Amino acid sequence: MLSIINRRLMVSCLVGVFFCLIANVGWAQAVTPFTLTASPTSAFTQAGTLVSYTITLTPGPAAAPLIGFSCTDSIPASSCSFNPPTVNTGNGPVNTVMSVATNFVSAGGATGKADPSQAPLSHPNKALYAMLSLGGAGIFGLVLPVSCSQKKRRRWLAAITGLVLFLVVMALQGCGGGIKQKTTPGDYIITVTGTSINFNPVQTASTTVALSVR
């Protein structure tokens, strides 16, 4: 009877050890191959300026060789960039610098103050500006010296009109382009994600930083 009980206890112990091994293997597989940390974890900035964070990647034994970075946020008129955009995990912990731009101009890829010193011309003002310029060219043609022959007067008028048209087009393009967007003041969270490149299965890890825009 005692031997039967011992056998049952031994079997129970073996089953328990077996399930413990399975659980440990599963836990080991669930561990992130690398981790991300940020310094600083929060920052303040004025709209229209750059702010930088240092992102440190610490690889584990099973980390992919190459990791690329991206960010997501809810900050209006903003953009982020990384230098370098990808890192090699073979040399242990490695850093990248994330720069966040506010008042970001998507067309030009630049930053600047949202409120220009001089407001762009509205469409009616542009038309009026063009009409006045062309009218001025016509008046200039009327006051050309009477001594000039009709042929010379026509040449002068054509040249002046062409020059004025060129200046008007350039002025209108300068007034209408480069509309800048404004980042609304507030407190925001930026999520930084590292993703393995050309590695299967895909490895990812994330961290968050805070940004207060004033």
Protein backbone atom coordinates (compact mmCIF):
# COMPACT_ATOMS: atom_id res chain seq x y z
CA MET A 1 0.00 0.00 0.00
CA LEU A 2 2.82 2.35 0.90
CA SER A 3 4.60 1.67 -2.35
CA ILE A 4 1.48 2.56 -4.35
CA ILE A 5 1.18 5.89 -2.52
CA ASN A 6 4.87 6.65 -3.16
CA ARG A 7 4.42 5.90 -6.84
CA ARG A 8 1.45 8.25 -7.04
CA LEU A 9 3.39 10.97 -5.27
CA MET A 10 6.31 10.50 -7.65
CA VAL A 11 4.03 10.68 -10.68
CA SER A 12 2.39 13.83 -9.31
CA CYS A 13 5.79 15.43 -8.76
CA LEU A 14 6.91 14.55 -12.27
CA VAL A 15 3.73 16.00 -13.76
CA GLY A 16 4.20 19.18 -11.70
CA VAL A 17 7.79 19.54 -12.88
CA PHE A 18 6.69 18.99 -16.48
CA PHE A 19 4.10 21.76 -16.31
CA CYS A 20 6.57 24.07 -14.60
CA LEU A 21 9.03 23.54 -17.45
CA ILE A 22 6.35 24.30 -20.03
CA ALA A 23 5.34 27.47 -18.18
CA ASN A 24 8.94 28.62 -17.92
CA VAL A 25 9.59 28.02 -21.62
CA GLY A 26 6.45 29.95 -22.53
CA TRP A 27 7.47 32.83 -20.26
CA ALA A 28 10.93 32.94 -21.79
CA GLN A 29 9.44 33.12 -25.28
CA ALA A 30 7.14 35.96 -24.20
CA VAL A 31 10.00 38.12 -22.95
CA THR A 32 10.70 41.09 -25.27
CA PRO A 33 14.01 40.55 -27.13
CA PHE A 34 14.93 44.20 -26.52
CA THR A 35 13.75 47.15 -24.45
CA LEU A 36 13.51 50.90 -25.04
CA THR A 37 14.05 53.67 -22.51
CA ALA A 38 13.96 57.44 -22.98
CA SER A 39 15.83 60.37 -21.49
CA PRO A 40 14.26 62.70 -20.60
CA THR A 41 10.86 61.10 -20.15
CA SER A 42 9.14 64.49 -20.33
CA ALA A 43 10.03 67.88 -21.79
CA PHE A 44 8.70 71.40 -22.35
CA THR A 45 8.91 73.35 -25.61
CA GLN A 46 7.63 76.49 -27.27
CA ALA A 47 5.57 76.01 -30.43
CA GLY A 48 7.86 76.40 -33.41
CA THR A 49 10.98 74.88 -31.83
CA LEU A 50 12.64 71.47 -31.77
CA VAL A 51 12.91 69.23 -28.74
CA SER A 52 15.07 66.10 -28.53
CA TYR A 53 14.96 62.84 -26.58
CA THR A 54 17.64 60.17 -26.33
CA ILE A 55 16.18 56.71 -26.90
CA THR A 56 18.29 53.83 -25.58
CA LEU A 57 17.81 50.33 -26.97
CA THR A 58 19.04 47.49 -24.77
CA PRO A 59 19.11 44.19 -26.68
CA GLY A 60 18.59 40.74 -25.21
CA PRO A 61 20.26 37.52 -26.36
CA ALA A 62 17.61 36.90 -29.04
CA ALA A 63 17.35 40.46 -30.39
CA ALA A 64 17.19 41.00 -34.15
CA PRO A 65 20.35 42.50 -35.69
CA LEU A 66 18.70 45.67 -37.05
CA ILE A 67 16.02 47.75 -35.38
CA GLY A 68 14.22 50.72 -36.95
CA PHE A 69 12.32 53.47 -35.13
CA SER A 70 9.00 55.22 -35.56
CA CYS A 71 6.73 57.41 -33.45
CA THR A 72 3.02 58.14 -33.10
CA ASP A 73 1.44 61.09 -31.36
CA SER A 74 -1.64 63.30 -31.32
CA ILE A 75 0.26 66.58 -31.53
CA PRO A 76 -1.21 68.79 -34.28
CA ALA A 77 1.22 70.12 -36.92
CA SER A 78 4.14 68.06 -35.64
CA SER A 79 6.65 65.55 -36.91
CA CYS A 80 9.40 63.37 -35.48
CA SER A 81 12.71 62.12 -36.87
CA PHE A 82 15.44 59.79 -35.62
CA ASN A 83 19.20 60.03 -35.90
CA PRO A 84 20.16 57.37 -36.72
CA PRO A 85 16.85 55.92 -37.97
CA THR A 86 18.12 52.34 -37.56
CA VAL A 87 20.60 50.78 -35.14
CA ASN A 88 22.65 47.60 -34.95
CA THR A 89 22.06 45.61 -31.77
CA GLY A 90 25.32 43.65 -32.03
CA ASN A 91 27.27 46.07 -29.85
CA GLY A 92 25.05 46.05 -26.79
CA PRO A 93 22.99 49.11 -25.70
CA VAL A 94 22.80 51.72 -28.44
CA ASN A 95 21.24 55.19 -28.66
CA THR A 96 19.25 57.16 -31.19
CA VAL A 97 18.11 60.77 -30.87
CA MET A 98 14.45 61.54 -31.57
CA SER A 99 13.74 65.15 -32.57
CA VAL A 100 10.17 66.42 -32.42
CA ALA A 101 9.25 69.48 -34.50
CA THR A 102 6.23 71.64 -33.73
CA ASN A 103 4.56 74.14 -36.09
CA PHE A 104 5.64 71.69 -38.77
CA VAL A 105 5.11 72.60 -42.44
CA SER A 106 4.29 69.32 -44.17
CA ALA A 107 4.92 70.66 -47.69
CA GLY A 108 8.31 72.14 -46.97
CA GLY A 109 9.43 69.83 -44.20
CA ALA A 110 10.55 72.74 -42.06
CA THR A 111 9.61 74.36 -38.81
CA GLY A 112 8.89 77.95 -38.02
CA LYS A 113 6.56 80.37 -36.30
CA ALA A 114 2.97 79.79 -37.21
CA ASP A 115 2.02 83.47 -37.43
CA PRO A 116 3.88 85.15 -40.31
CA SER A 117 4.83 88.78 -39.86
CA GLN A 118 2.67 89.70 -42.85
CA ALA A 119 -0.54 87.92 -43.78
CA PRO A 120 -0.73 86.40 -47.27
CA LEU A 121 -2.77 88.29 -49.83
CA SER A 122 -6.34 87.07 -50.21
CA HIS A 123 -7.61 86.05 -53.64
CA PRO A 124 -9.51 89.34 -54.30
CA ASN A 125 -6.44 91.34 -53.28
CA LYS A 126 -4.29 89.28 -55.62
CA ALA A 127 -6.60 90.08 -58.54
CA LEU A 128 -6.62 93.77 -57.65
CA TYR A 129 -2.84 93.74 -57.32
CA ALA A 130 -2.49 92.25 -60.80
CA MET A 131 -4.97 94.72 -62.34
CA LEU A 132 -3.20 97.71 -60.83
CA SER A 133 0.18 96.42 -62.01
CA LEU A 134 -0.99 95.91 -65.56
CA GLY A 135 -2.78 99.27 -65.50
CA GLY A 136 0.44 100.90 -64.40
CA ALA A 137 2.25 99.33 -67.35
CA GLY A 138 -0.37 100.75 -69.73
CA ILE A 139 -0.09 104.24 -68.25
CA PHE A 140 3.70 104.04 -68.50
CA GLY A 141 3.29 103.22 -72.18
CA LEU A 142 1.05 106.29 -72.71
CA VAL A 143 3.60 108.66 -71.23
CA LEU A 144 6.48 107.47 -73.41
CA PRO A 145 8.07 110.34 -75.30
CA VAL A 146 6.00 111.42 -78.26
CA SER A 147 9.19 111.62 -80.28
CA CYS A 148 9.45 107.85 -80.23
CA SER A 149 8.18 106.20 -83.35
CA GLN A 150 5.07 104.03 -83.19
CA LYS A 151 7.19 100.91 -83.66
CA LYS A 152 9.53 101.81 -80.80
CA ARG A 153 6.59 102.65 -78.55
CA ARG A 154 5.11 99.20 -79.19
CA ARG A 155 8.42 97.50 -78.43
CA TRP A 156 8.82 99.44 -75.20
CA LEU A 157 5.26 98.69 -74.13
CA ALA A 158 5.62 94.96 -74.88
CA ALA A 159 8.87 94.74 -72.93
CA ILE A 160 7.46 96.63 -69.94
CA THR A 161 4.26 94.59 -69.94
CA GLY A 162 6.23 91.32 -70.01
CA LEU A 163 8.41 92.46 -67.14
CA VAL A 164 5.42 93.50 -65.04
CA LEU A 165 3.66 90.18 -65.73
CA PHE A 166 6.76 88.29 -64.61
CA LEU A 167 6.99 90.33 -61.39
CA VAL A 168 3.26 89.85 -60.69
CA VAL A 169 3.50 86.07 -61.12
CA MET A 170 6.51 85.86 -58.83
CA ALA A 171 4.81 88.04 -56.21
CA LEU A 172 1.62 85.98 -56.25
CA GLN A 173 3.56 82.74 -55.88
CA GLY A 174 5.49 84.16 -52.96
CA CYS A 175 2.34 85.37 -51.23
CA GLY A 176 0.39 82.19 -51.71
CA GLY A 177 2.96 79.54 -50.73
CA GLY A 178 4.40 78.32 -47.46
CA ILE A 179 1.23 78.45 -45.37
CA LYS A 180 2.34 77.38 -41.93
CA GLN A 181 0.40 75.34 -39.42
CA LYS A 182 0.23 75.96 -35.71
CA THR A 183 0.72 73.45 -32.91
CA THR A 184 -1.94 73.89 -30.25
CA PRO A 185 -0.50 74.32 -26.73
CA GLY A 186 -1.15 71.36 -24.46
CA ASP A 187 0.24 68.21 -22.91
CA TYR A 188 0.88 65.28 -25.25
CA ILE A 189 2.17 61.71 -25.16
CA ILE A 190 4.51 60.36 -27.85
CA THR A 191 4.88 56.62 -28.35
CA VAL A 192 8.26 55.49 -29.66
CA THR A 193 8.38 52.04 -31.25
CA GLY A 194 11.35 49.94 -32.29
CA THR A 195 10.69 47.28 -34.94
CA SER A 196 13.02 44.60 -36.28
CA ILE A 197 14.02 44.87 -39.95
CA ASN A 198 13.99 41.81 -42.24
CA PHE A 199 13.61 39.47 -39.28
CA ASN A 200 11.04 36.73 -38.70
CA PRO A 201 9.17 36.73 -36.41
CA VAL A 202 8.88 40.51 -36.13
CA GLN A 203 10.16 41.96 -32.86
CA THR A 204 8.79 45.18 -31.40
CA ALA A 205 9.14 47.19 -28.22
CA SER A 206 7.77 50.60 -27.24
CA THR A 207 8.21 53.38 -24.73
CA THR A 208 6.41 56.69 -24.18
CA VAL A 209 7.55 60.25 -23.52
CA ALA A 210 5.59 63.35 -22.56
CA LEU A 211 5.77 66.73 -24.31
CA SER A 212 4.22 69.96 -23.03
CA VAL A 213 3.82 72.62 -25.72
CA ARG A 214 3.48 76.19 -24.49
